[in-house]
C-alpha cells in the first residue's frame, strides 16, 4: 500500500427534509386542521479514528464525501426519516484542519470521533404555524442545507520510539534486531521511503517502534523527506539517534542531526533519547565510537555502541529502551479533547439589516438570521408570499432599502432569493 500522510478532502452533510403542507381529511370531518409533519434531519459527516490503518492513501483519489439527506415530512404529522450519517475512518494520529490551517481535531485514540459537518435541520410542517389569527396556514418550511467544508488531514504516526538518523545509518537493521520486524534493508541511501513499524514485547508491555524515512541536512527546510520525517517524530516518546560509526566524522553527524531537531522545534531536541553508534562489527570503528561517546556524554545523553548485523550489545539496548519508555510519559496531545463545531444559532432581531448597493445597481440585504429564515420559505406554497411580506415588515427591510436609494423595479437579493422592489404606497 502506498504511504500517504497528507490529504485534502471535501465533506458535505445532508440537507434537511422539507416540512409538509397538509390538512386532515377524515370521514365525517368537513374541515380538518393542519397536520403537516416535519422534515427529517440531514445526516452528519463524522470522522472516526481506527486502529489498523497507517496511511491516508484511501483519500488520494476518493476526496468528496456526502452524507444522506433527510426525508420530507408528510400528512398525519408524519416526520421524514433522518438522513444517514456518513462515517469516514482515519488512522490514529490524524490531525484535522480547515482550509485556513485552524486545528479542528486531533484524532489520537481509536474510537475518537469528530463531527466534521452537521446535517441540516428539517423544515417544520404547517402544523407549527397555526395561531389564533391563522387557523389554516398554507405554507411550510424547507429543510436547511447541510454544512460543507474543505478539510486538510495530516497524519502523524503514534509510536513510543522513533529511530532517527541519516541515510545508511542502519536504522532498519536495528528495527529488525530489536523487534523482529522485517523492513526493506539495502546498502544504498533512502532504503526507507515510508515508515516501518515494529513491536518490542518486554514483560507485559508492547512498545511500538517506528523506523522513519531517512533524514538529510536541511530537512527542517523541506529538503528530501525532511518535513514528512519530522512530522512523524513529533509524537514519539523517545528517540534513538542512530549514527554510522564507519563514516569519517560521526561527531559532526551527531551535531547535524541535533541541529535539524532544534531548527524544526516541537521540543524534539530535548526529547529523551539514546545515541546509538552502529556497525561496531566493522574494523577500525573503535576510535569513532570513543569520540562519539564523549560528545554524547558532554551533552548529557546516554550512549550505546552496537552492531545490528551481529547482535552485539542488542540485548542491553532492548533493556535500556524499555526502561526509558517506562520512565517517559506519552507526548501531550495537541488538543486534549476534540472540538465539535457547534451549530450556529441565529436571531432575526439581534442586529439591524445591512443594505449593500452592488456595482450593477441592485441591492443586497444582509442579516444572518433573516437570510436563514428566508431560505426556509417554500415559495411554491400558497401563503408563502404573505409570510415573506410579514418578515420584511418585522425588520423594516422596505424602509432600509428606500433609505439606501432603492426605487421601484430595482433588483433586490436576500441570500439566493431575487425579487423586484415594490414599495407599498401609503396615502
Protein backbone atom coordinates (compact mmCIF):
# COMPACT_ATOMS: atom_id res chain seq x y z
CA UNK A 1 0.00 0.00 0.00
CA UNK A 2 1.28 3.46 -0.87
CA UNK A 3 2.10 5.57 2.17
CA UNK A 4 0.33 8.94 2.13
CA UNK A 5 0.50 11.22 5.16
CA UNK A 6 -1.38 14.33 3.94
CA UNK A 7 -4.69 14.62 2.13
CA UNK A 8 -7.30 17.23 1.30
CA UNK A 9 -10.95 16.20 1.29
CA UNK A 10 -14.32 17.90 0.87
CA UNK A 11 -17.21 16.90 3.13
CA UNK A 12 -20.86 17.82 2.81
CA UNK A 13 -23.57 16.95 5.30
CA UNK A 14 -27.09 16.03 4.22
CA UNK A 15 -29.86 18.56 3.60
CA UNK A 16 -32.80 18.53 5.97
CA UNK A 17 -36.11 17.32 4.56
CA UNK A 18 -38.92 19.77 3.77
CA UNK A 19 -41.85 20.20 6.12
CA UNK A 20 -45.23 19.13 4.76
CA UNK A 21 -48.18 21.32 3.80
CA UNK A 22 -51.13 19.10 4.64
CA UNK A 23 -54.63 19.16 6.16
CA UNK A 24 -56.58 16.37 7.76
CA UNK A 25 -59.02 14.57 5.54
CA UNK A 26 -61.24 12.47 7.78
CA UNK A 27 -64.61 10.95 7.18
CA UNK A 28 -67.42 12.99 8.74
CA UNK A 29 -64.93 15.85 9.46
CA UNK A 30 -65.73 18.51 6.83
CA UNK A 31 -62.87 20.87 7.68
CA UNK A 32 -59.80 19.19 9.13
CA UNK A 33 -56.94 21.23 10.62
CA UNK A 34 -53.31 21.31 9.51
CA UNK A 35 -51.34 18.09 10.02
CA UNK A 36 -48.15 18.57 8.01
CA UNK A 37 -45.21 16.75 9.59
CA UNK A 38 -41.62 17.95 9.87
CA UNK A 39 -38.78 17.04 7.57
CA UNK A 40 -36.05 14.73 8.82
CA UNK A 41 -32.60 15.91 9.87
CA UNK A 42 -29.80 15.67 7.33
CA UNK A 43 -27.02 13.19 8.04
CA UNK A 44 -23.75 14.28 9.67
CA UNK A 45 -20.28 13.61 8.29
CA UNK A 46 -18.23 12.03 11.08
CA UNK A 47 -14.51 11.29 11.22
CA UNK A 48 -13.54 8.31 13.39
CA UNK A 49 -10.03 7.22 14.33
CA UNK A 50 -9.48 3.48 13.95
CA UNK A 51 -6.56 1.19 14.53
CA UNK A 52 -5.01 -0.88 11.77
CA UNK A 53 -4.75 1.98 9.26
CA UNK A 54 -1.32 3.59 8.90
CA UNK A 55 -1.79 5.75 5.81
CA UNK A 56 -4.15 8.29 4.25
CA UNK A 57 -3.87 6.56 0.87
CA UNK A 58 -7.64 5.97 0.74
CA UNK A 59 -8.09 9.73 0.28
CA UNK A 60 -5.66 10.12 -2.60
CA UNK A 61 -8.42 9.62 -5.17
CA UNK A 62 -11.62 9.48 -3.11
CA UNK A 63 -11.83 13.09 -1.93
CA UNK A 64 -15.53 14.05 -1.81
CA UNK A 65 -17.92 12.74 0.82
CA UNK A 66 -21.68 13.32 1.10
CA UNK A 67 -23.98 12.26 3.95
CA UNK A 68 -27.61 11.28 3.39
CA UNK A 69 -30.45 13.79 3.00
CA UNK A 70 -33.39 13.91 5.38
CA UNK A 71 -36.76 12.67 4.18
CA UNK A 72 -39.66 15.07 3.62
CA UNK A 73 -42.49 15.28 6.14
CA UNK A 74 -45.98 14.18 5.19
CA UNK A 75 -49.57 14.36 6.37
CA UNK A 76 -50.92 12.90 9.61
CA UNK A 77 -47.97 14.56 11.40
CA UNK A 78 -45.54 12.04 9.95
CA UNK A 79 -41.92 13.18 10.29
CA UNK A 80 -39.49 12.43 7.49
CA UNK A 81 -36.70 9.94 8.11
CA UNK A 82 -33.37 11.33 9.27
CA UNK A 83 -30.58 11.23 6.70
CA UNK A 84 -27.94 8.55 7.13
CA UNK A 85 -24.77 9.72 8.85
CA UNK A 86 -21.53 9.12 6.95
CA UNK A 87 -18.57 7.87 8.98
CA UNK A 88 -15.10 8.27 7.50
CA UNK A 89 -12.33 6.16 9.04
CA UNK A 90 -8.93 7.79 9.52
CA UNK A 91 -5.71 6.48 11.10
CA UNK A 92 -4.97 7.20 14.75
CA UNK A 93 -2.70 10.23 14.78
CA UNK A 94 -4.62 12.22 12.16
CA UNK A 95 -4.68 15.97 12.67
CA UNK A 96 -7.77 17.63 11.14
CA UNK A 97 -7.52 21.23 9.97
CA UNK A 98 -9.73 23.57 7.98
CA UNK A 99 -8.57 25.20 4.77
CA UNK A 100 -7.16 28.15 6.76
CA UNK A 101 -4.92 25.90 8.84
CA UNK A 102 -7.00 26.06 12.03
CA UNK A 103 -6.81 22.81 14.01
CA UNK A 104 -10.27 21.29 14.46
CA UNK A 105 -9.46 17.90 15.98
CA UNK A 106 -6.53 15.68 16.89
CA UNK A 107 -7.62 12.08 16.30
CA UNK A 108 -5.24 10.28 18.63
CA UNK A 109 -7.12 7.36 20.16
CA UNK A 110 -9.05 4.59 18.44
CA UNK A 111 -12.79 5.26 18.65
CA UNK A 112 -12.38 9.03 18.86
CA UNK A 113 -14.99 10.82 16.74
CA UNK A 114 -15.36 14.30 15.32
CA UNK A 115 -18.41 15.73 13.57
CA UNK A 116 -16.83 17.42 10.58
CA UNK A 117 -20.11 18.69 9.09
CA UNK A 118 -23.53 18.88 10.72
CA UNK A 119 -26.62 17.84 8.81
CA UNK A 120 -29.25 20.47 8.02
CA UNK A 121 -32.28 20.94 10.23
CA UNK A 122 -35.52 19.55 8.88
CA UNK A 123 -38.17 22.08 7.86
CA UNK A 124 -41.26 22.47 10.01
CA UNK A 125 -44.63 21.33 8.74
CA UNK A 126 -47.59 23.71 8.58
CA UNK A 127 -48.97 22.41 11.87
CA UNK A 128 -46.38 24.61 13.63
CA UNK A 129 -47.70 27.86 12.16
CA UNK A 130 -51.24 27.90 13.49
CA UNK A 131 -52.29 30.84 15.63
CA UNK A 132 -55.47 32.49 16.84
CA UNK A 133 -55.44 34.58 13.66
CA UNK A 134 -54.16 31.91 11.28
CA UNK A 135 -56.12 28.68 11.69
CA UNK A 136 -55.14 27.08 8.36
CA UNK A 137 -51.59 28.04 7.39
CA UNK A 138 -50.89 27.18 3.77
CA UNK A 139 -47.13 27.14 3.98
CA UNK A 140 -44.36 25.02 5.48
CA UNK A 141 -40.59 25.34 5.73
CA UNK A 142 -37.90 23.90 3.53
CA UNK A 143 -35.08 21.99 5.19
CA UNK A 144 -31.73 23.68 5.81
CA UNK A 145 -28.74 22.71 3.68
CA UNK A 146 -26.06 20.66 5.39
CA UNK A 147 -22.72 22.16 6.32
CA UNK A 148 -19.92 21.73 3.80
CA UNK A 149 -16.23 22.37 4.11
CA UNK A 150 -12.78 21.52 2.85
CA UNK A 151 -10.54 19.68 5.32
CA UNK A 152 -6.82 19.04 5.42
CA UNK A 153 -5.79 15.74 7.02
CA UNK A 154 -2.25 15.33 8.29
CA UNK A 155 -1.04 12.02 9.68
CA UNK A 156 1.49 11.99 12.49
CA UNK A 157 2.31 8.41 13.41
CA UNK A 158 1.90 7.45 17.04
CA UNK A 159 4.86 5.38 18.22
CA UNK A 160 6.68 5.03 21.53
CA UNK A 161 10.13 5.03 19.94
CA UNK A 162 11.40 6.77 16.83
CA UNK A 163 14.57 5.64 15.05
CA UNK A 164 16.26 8.79 13.73
CA UNK A 165 19.34 9.13 11.60
CA UNK A 166 20.77 9.98 8.21
CA UNK A 167 20.53 7.50 5.32
CA UNK A 168 22.53 4.27 5.64
CA UNK A 169 22.95 4.62 9.41
CA UNK A 170 21.36 1.20 9.85
CA UNK A 171 18.01 2.16 11.38
CA UNK A 172 16.09 -0.55 9.55
CA UNK A 173 18.61 -3.16 10.63
CA UNK A 174 18.29 -2.06 14.26
CA UNK A 175 14.48 -2.22 13.98
CA UNK A 176 14.84 -5.81 12.78
CA UNK A 177 17.29 -6.66 15.55
CA UNK A 178 15.21 -5.34 18.46
CA UNK A 179 11.65 -6.03 17.31
CA UNK A 180 11.73 -8.82 14.74
CA UNK A 181 10.18 -6.57 12.11
CA UNK A 182 11.23 -7.20 8.51
CA UNK A 183 11.67 -3.85 6.76
CA UNK A 184 13.44 -3.50 3.44
CA UNK A 185 17.19 -3.29 4.08
CA UNK A 186 19.85 -2.41 1.49
CA UNK A 187 23.18 -0.66 1.23
CA UNK A 188 22.08 2.49 -0.52
CA UNK A 189 20.55 5.79 0.64
CA UNK A 190 16.80 6.16 1.21
CA UNK A 191 16.01 2.48 1.52
CA UNK A 192 13.27 3.62 3.90
CA UNK A 193 10.91 5.87 1.96
CA UNK A 194 7.91 5.15 4.18
CA UNK A 195 7.69 4.48 7.94
CA UNK A 196 8.16 0.90 9.10
CA UNK A 197 6.66 -0.17 12.41
CA UNK A 198 7.84 -2.89 14.76
CA UNK A 199 6.69 -4.04 18.19
CA UNK A 200 9.09 -4.78 21.03
CA UNK A 201 7.49 -7.07 23.61
CA UNK A 202 9.07 -6.66 27.04
CA UNK A 203 7.40 -8.35 30.02
CA UNK A 204 3.73 -7.35 29.74
CA UNK A 205 4.38 -4.22 27.66
CA UNK A 206 4.31 -3.76 23.91
CA UNK A 207 6.47 -0.91 22.67
CA UNK A 208 5.78 0.42 19.17
CA UNK A 209 8.95 1.41 17.31
CA UNK A 210 8.94 3.44 14.10
CA UNK A 211 11.79 3.41 11.60
CA UNK A 212 11.15 6.74 9.92
CA UNK A 213 12.16 7.93 6.43
CA UNK A 214 15.82 8.98 6.18
CA UNK A 215 16.82 12.45 7.25
CA UNK A 216 19.22 14.76 5.41
CA UNK A 217 20.70 18.12 6.31
CA UNK A 218 18.20 20.90 5.62
CA UNK A 219 15.25 18.65 6.45
CA UNK A 220 13.65 21.38 8.57
CA UNK A 221 13.55 23.50 5.39
CA UNK A 222 11.74 20.75 3.49
CA UNK A 223 14.72 19.11 1.79
CA UNK A 224 14.45 15.45 0.88
CA UNK A 225 11.88 13.68 3.02
CA UNK A 226 12.60 16.05 5.86
CA UNK A 227 9.24 17.56 6.79
CA UNK A 228 7.50 14.19 6.40
CA UNK A 229 10.14 12.64 8.65
CA UNK A 230 9.98 15.33 11.33
CA UNK A 231 6.17 15.31 11.35
CA UNK A 232 6.16 11.68 12.48
CA UNK A 233 8.95 12.17 15.03
CA UNK A 234 6.77 14.70 16.89
CA UNK A 235 4.62 12.08 18.62
CA UNK A 236 7.29 9.64 19.77
CA UNK A 237 8.09 9.36 23.48
CA UNK A 238 11.80 8.77 22.98
CA UNK A 239 14.25 8.91 20.10
CA UNK A 240 17.10 6.61 19.16
CA UNK A 241 19.73 8.61 17.28
CA UNK A 242 21.44 6.05 15.06
CA UNK A 243 24.88 7.06 13.73
CA UNK A 244 27.13 5.08 11.40
CA UNK A 245 30.49 4.55 13.14
CA UNK A 246 32.18 3.58 9.89
CA UNK A 247 31.92 7.09 8.42
CA UNK A 248 34.72 9.66 8.67
CA UNK A 249 33.24 12.06 11.24
CA UNK A 250 30.36 10.64 13.32
CA UNK A 251 30.60 13.52 15.82
CA UNK A 252 29.80 16.02 13.07
CA UNK A 253 26.88 13.80 12.01
CA UNK A 254 25.60 13.84 15.58
CA UNK A 255 25.64 17.66 15.67
CA UNK A 256 23.96 17.89 12.25
CA UNK A 257 21.19 15.58 13.43
CA UNK A 258 20.59 17.53 16.63
CA UNK A 259 20.59 20.80 14.67
CA UNK A 260 17.77 19.58 12.44
CA UNK A 261 15.69 18.83 15.54
CA UNK A 262 16.46 22.22 17.10
CA UNK A 263 15.54 24.08 13.92
CA UNK A 264 12.28 22.17 13.50
CA UNK A 265 11.15 22.81 17.07
CA UNK A 266 8.34 20.84 18.75
CA UNK A 267 10.78 20.09 21.61
CA UNK A 268 12.48 17.40 19.53
CA UNK A 269 15.99 18.42 20.62
CA UNK A 270 15.05 17.93 24.27
CA UNK A 271 13.13 14.67 23.75
CA UNK A 272 14.57 11.79 25.84
CA UNK A 273 16.94 9.84 23.64
CA UNK A 274 19.75 7.32 23.36
CA UNK A 275 22.64 7.94 20.98
CA UNK A 276 23.48 4.69 19.19
CA UNK A 277 26.77 4.12 17.43
CA UNK A 278 26.02 1.35 14.93
CA UNK A 279 28.26 -1.02 12.92
CA UNK A 280 30.82 -1.96 15.60
CA UNK A 281 31.39 -5.11 13.53
CA UNK A 282 33.43 -3.04 11.04
CA UNK A 283 37.15 -2.87 11.76
CA UNK A 284 38.56 0.49 12.86
CA UNK A 285 35.36 1.90 14.40
CA UNK A 286 36.64 1.84 17.99
CA UNK A 287 38.11 5.37 17.89
CA UNK A 288 34.98 6.84 16.29
CA UNK A 289 32.87 5.15 18.95
CA UNK A 290 35.02 6.64 21.72
CA UNK A 291 34.76 10.16 20.24
CA UNK A 292 31.02 9.88 19.77
CA UNK A 293 30.53 8.59 23.31
CA UNK A 294 32.49 11.54 24.74
CA UNK A 295 30.40 14.00 22.72
CA UNK A 296 27.12 12.37 23.75
CA UNK A 297 28.09 12.41 27.42
CA UNK A 298 29.18 16.05 27.07
CA UNK A 299 25.57 16.71 26.06
CA UNK A 300 24.26 14.61 28.99
CA UNK A 301 22.97 11.90 26.65
CA UNK A 302 23.17 8.15 27.07
CA UNK A 303 25.40 6.37 24.53
CA UNK A 304 25.49 2.76 23.35
CA UNK A 305 27.67 1.08 20.72
CA UNK A 306 26.00 -1.84 18.92
CA UNK A 307 26.10 -3.95 15.81
CA UNK A 308 22.72 -4.63 14.27
CA UNK A 309 24.38 -7.14 11.96
CA UNK A 310 25.99 -9.37 14.62
CA UNK A 311 23.64 -8.54 17.51
CA UNK A 312 26.49 -7.16 19.62
CA UNK A 313 25.03 -5.28 22.64
CA UNK A 314 21.47 -5.51 21.24
CA UNK A 315 20.03 -7.20 24.41
CA UNK A 316 21.37 -4.31 26.52
CA UNK A 317 19.87 -1.81 24.06
CA UNK A 318 16.48 -3.51 24.39
CA UNK A 319 16.60 -3.25 28.18
CA UNK A 320 17.60 0.43 28.08
CA UNK A 321 14.92 1.30 25.53
CA UNK A 322 12.22 -0.44 27.57
CA UNK A 323 13.34 1.30 30.77
CA UNK A 324 13.42 4.75 29.18
CA UNK A 325 9.96 4.29 27.64
CA UNK A 326 8.53 3.29 31.04
CA UNK A 327 10.00 6.40 32.63
CA UNK A 328 8.82 8.76 29.89
CA UNK A 329 5.15 9.84 29.71
CA UNK A 330 3.36 9.92 26.39
CA UNK A 331 3.65 13.13 24.41
CA UNK A 332 0.85 15.51 25.31
CA UNK A 333 -1.91 15.70 22.74
CA UNK A 334 -2.07 18.91 20.75
CA UNK A 335 -5.76 19.15 21.61
CA UNK A 336 -6.92 17.35 24.74
CA UNK A 337 -10.50 16.97 23.58
CA UNK A 338 -11.98 17.04 20.14
CA UNK A 339 -13.69 20.29 19.36
CA UNK A 340 -17.05 19.76 17.75
CA UNK A 341 -18.10 22.86 15.90
CA UNK A 342 -21.45 23.97 17.34
CA UNK A 343 -24.39 24.63 15.12
CA UNK A 344 -24.86 28.31 14.61
CA UNK A 345 -27.76 29.89 16.42
CA UNK A 346 -29.04 32.92 14.61
CA UNK A 347 -31.57 35.52 15.64
CA UNK A 348 -33.74 37.52 13.27
CA UNK A 349 -33.77 40.58 15.50
CA UNK A 350 -30.39 40.66 17.18
CA UNK A 351 -28.92 43.08 14.67
CA UNK A 352 -30.15 45.61 12.12
CA UNK A 353 -30.27 44.70 8.44
CA UNK A 354 -27.48 45.97 6.20
CA UNK A 355 -28.23 47.13 2.69
CA UNK A 356 -25.36 46.83 0.18
CA UNK A 357 -25.62 48.63 -3.14
CA UNK A 358 -23.90 46.48 -5.76
CA UNK A 359 -21.96 47.58 -8.83
CA UNK A 360 -24.81 46.67 -11.20
CA UNK A 361 -27.25 48.92 -9.31
CA UNK A 362 -29.00 46.10 -7.48
CA UNK A 363 -29.26 45.83 -3.69
CA UNK A 364 -28.37 43.01 -1.31
CA UNK A 365 -29.99 42.64 2.10
CA UNK A 366 -27.58 41.20 4.69
CA UNK A 367 -28.76 39.83 8.01
CA UNK A 368 -27.70 36.34 9.05
CA UNK A 369 -30.85 35.31 10.86
CA UNK A 370 -33.17 36.85 8.27
CA UNK A 371 -31.31 35.22 5.38
CA UNK A 372 -31.59 31.84 7.11
CA UNK A 373 -35.31 32.30 7.68
CA UNK A 374 -35.90 33.36 4.07
CA UNK A 375 -34.01 30.32 2.77
CA UNK A 376 -36.57 28.11 4.54
CA UNK A 377 -39.56 29.63 2.74
CA UNK A 378 -41.07 27.32 0.13
CA UNK A 379 -42.43 29.80 -2.41
CA UNK A 380 -44.43 27.06 -4.10
CA UNK A 381 -46.87 27.19 -1.21
CA UNK A 382 -49.95 29.38 -1.43
CA UNK A 383 -49.33 31.64 1.58
CA UNK A 384 -45.54 31.81 1.24
CA UNK A 385 -45.55 35.36 -0.15
CA UNK A 386 -47.66 36.57 2.75
CA UNK A 387 -45.20 35.04 5.20
CA UNK A 388 -42.31 36.65 3.31
CA UNK A 389 -44.04 40.04 3.41
CA UNK A 390 -44.58 39.79 7.17
CA UNK A 391 -40.89 39.00 7.65
CA UNK A 392 -39.87 42.04 5.58
CA UNK A 393 -42.06 44.26 7.73
CA UNK A 394 -40.79 42.80 11.00
CA UNK A 395 -37.28 44.03 10.23
CA UNK A 396 -38.30 47.21 8.37
CA UNK A 397 -36.46 45.99 5.28
CA UNK A 398 -38.51 48.16 2.92
CA UNK A 399 -37.65 51.33 4.84
CA UNK A 400 -33.96 50.34 4.89
CA UNK A 401 -33.97 49.78 1.12
CA UNK A 402 -35.59 53.16 0.45
CA UNK A 403 -33.06 54.85 2.73
CA UNK A 404 -30.28 53.22 0.70
CA UNK A 405 -31.73 54.64 -2.51
CA UNK A 406 -33.75 51.69 -3.82
CA UNK A 407 -36.55 52.57 -6.23
CA UNK A 408 -39.46 50.61 -7.63
CA UNK A 409 -38.29 47.93 -10.03
CA UNK A 410 -34.74 47.66 -8.65
CA UNK A 411 -33.38 44.15 -8.17
CA UNK A 412 -33.07 43.03 -4.54
CA UNK A 413 -31.26 39.92 -3.28
CA UNK A 414 -31.67 38.16 0.05
CA UNK A 415 -29.45 35.10 0.12
CA UNK A 416 -30.38 33.17 -3.03
CA UNK A 417 -33.75 34.94 -3.37
CA UNK A 418 -34.15 37.60 -6.07
CA UNK A 419 -37.15 39.94 -6.43
CA UNK A 420 -38.11 43.36 -7.80
CA UNK A 421 -38.54 46.10 -5.23
CA UNK A 422 -42.17 47.22 -4.99
CA UNK A 423 -42.63 49.57 -2.04
CA UNK A 424 -46.08 49.89 -0.53
CA UNK A 425 -47.91 53.09 -1.48
CA UNK A 426 -49.07 54.94 1.60
CA UNK A 427 -51.83 57.54 1.48
